[in-house]
Amino acid sequence: MQTPDEGATTGSAGVAPGAAASGAMRAAPPPMSRATKVALGVGAAAPGVIVGAFDFFLLIFYSQVVGLDARLVGLAILIALILDALSDPIVGYWSDNLRSRWGRRHPFMYASAIPVAVSFIFLWNPPQNASQMTLFWYVLTTAIIIRQAVTFYRTPSTALIPDLTNDYDERTSLYGLRYLFAWFGGNALAVLMFFVLFPMFVTETIPDGRFNRDAYQLYGTIGAIVIFVSITASSLGTHARILHLNQPPPPRKMTLGVVFSEMLETLANRSFVALFLAALLGAVASGVVSGLSLYFYTYFWEFTDRQTGLIFLGTFVAAIIGFVLAPIITRKLGKKRGAMIVGLIAFGGAPLPIVLRLFDLLPPNGTPFVFWFVTITNIVDIGLIITFQILFASMIADLVEESELKTGRRSEGVFTSAETFISKAVQGFGVMAATLVLTLAQFPTGAEVGKVSPEAVQRLGAYYVPLVLVLYLSMIAVISTYRIDRSVHENNLRKLQGGR
């Protein structure tokens, strides 16, 4: 492991070969205004809405409301995520090298707004009375389109952060803003669903609005509006910073071989490999957790739609906890150490309410204590998980300068896309694992609340807890091999600036 005074071989001026020639380094830009930072954060609401839709509503909508076999829903989500993941590195590399008067990132951001919004509407409007295979191909096609479209926004817009600042602490603050708006965007619509839309669509024939497809159709329209406004506002609000962003490398002959060799050279980094493996494990666990969350709220805890809405409302508090806590931990503990400590507490404690229920250590469902216990522990735990996510994302950003020392290229897009590649390619397997848990638990399709056998509900929790614990704790163990801390990062910056 290198000390802060070691690093890549440098030339006589103390700059890595090729670093000065890349054209990437520029004079210190003027400080970002608060409006620019907020615009950067607002842009995360659009991916937040889509992630929330796929994580919380898509599986239960198509399996329990539309009537598509849960295994086919999981397969469609898996295929869409894998194909989306394959496009991530291409978009990331493309946005690192694009030469335009609007810079490297903004052309992608502007172009994505309408396709993402329109495809989101279609996702929640499947044909009625269709066969299983027709429904499967419909959800597969619409999911692929929306995932591909949002990649052209999410990857370049997230890559703006290490492009906008190289400050160790400010990067954490900017990622904090992104995560704050991402959680607010996704969960605001979830709260709207449980407090407004589901109650609005209660009918004589459908006494529980959670099982009325009309509620989801309106959700799709509202979500599309939020997505369009989020992407457009963020693109316009950060447009003025284009003049101060890093420039692409000099023009060169681009072949498929050159593209792949440069991407492999960029990612051949020990600390990146550690984060790559950690993200892989975390993505599988996240797929399991998100895919089954509404099942636990609805069937395991037997919460009403109002109670579930209150739990989602609590995530606003959790997002604020993460936004405030992550920069403090960065300053006090550093990103790696802080992520490991916070992660152990958050992921180790996440299944606690379920474990207590499995061992019959909680009062019966329906008592106020159970609801408030689950709600409060959920707020604290999600707040810590968001803190962990912010620190993890900021750790990836700090790989940019170390890579530039070795390659002479700024590769924000490649690193950003590598992380999202993992989460998309592998999280689909997590959703499939969630459907496997449902199958092993012998959980019925189209079941009404209170009419699932206690044995099936118990099996749901018993298979779920050990699976997510093993995945999350393995992830923390892998992170321990990441090596960039504050001193290493600042030493990398000095080398890039000519050894000053």
Foldseek 3Di string as FASTA:
>chain_A
DDDLVDADDPDPLLFFPLQVQFQFDDPDDPDDDPLLLLLLQLLLLLVLQVCLCVLAPQLCCCFQQQNAPSLLSLVLLLVLLLVLLVCQLVLLLQLLADDDPQHSQLVLLVVLLVQLLVLLLQLLDQDHPDDNVSRSVSNSVSSNSNSNSCSSNPLSSLLVLLQNDLDLLVSLLSLLSNLLSSLCSNLVLLLCLLPPLQVVPQDPVRNTSSNHSVSSSVSSNVSSVSSNCSSVSSSVSNSVCNVVTTHHGDDDDDDPVVSVVLLCLLCPDQLSVLLLVLLLLVLLLSLQCSLCVVVCCCAVQNHGSNLVSVLSVLQSLLSVLLSVVQSVCCVVPNLLVLLLVLLCVLLVCLCVLLVCVLVPNDDHRPDPVSSVVNSVNSSPSSSSVSNNVSSSSSLLSLSQLSSCSHNSGRRSSSSSSSSSSSSSNNNSNSNSVNVVLLVVLVPDTNDHHPPTDPSSSSSSSVVSVVSSSVSSVVSSVSSVSNDDTPSSSVSSVCSSVSND
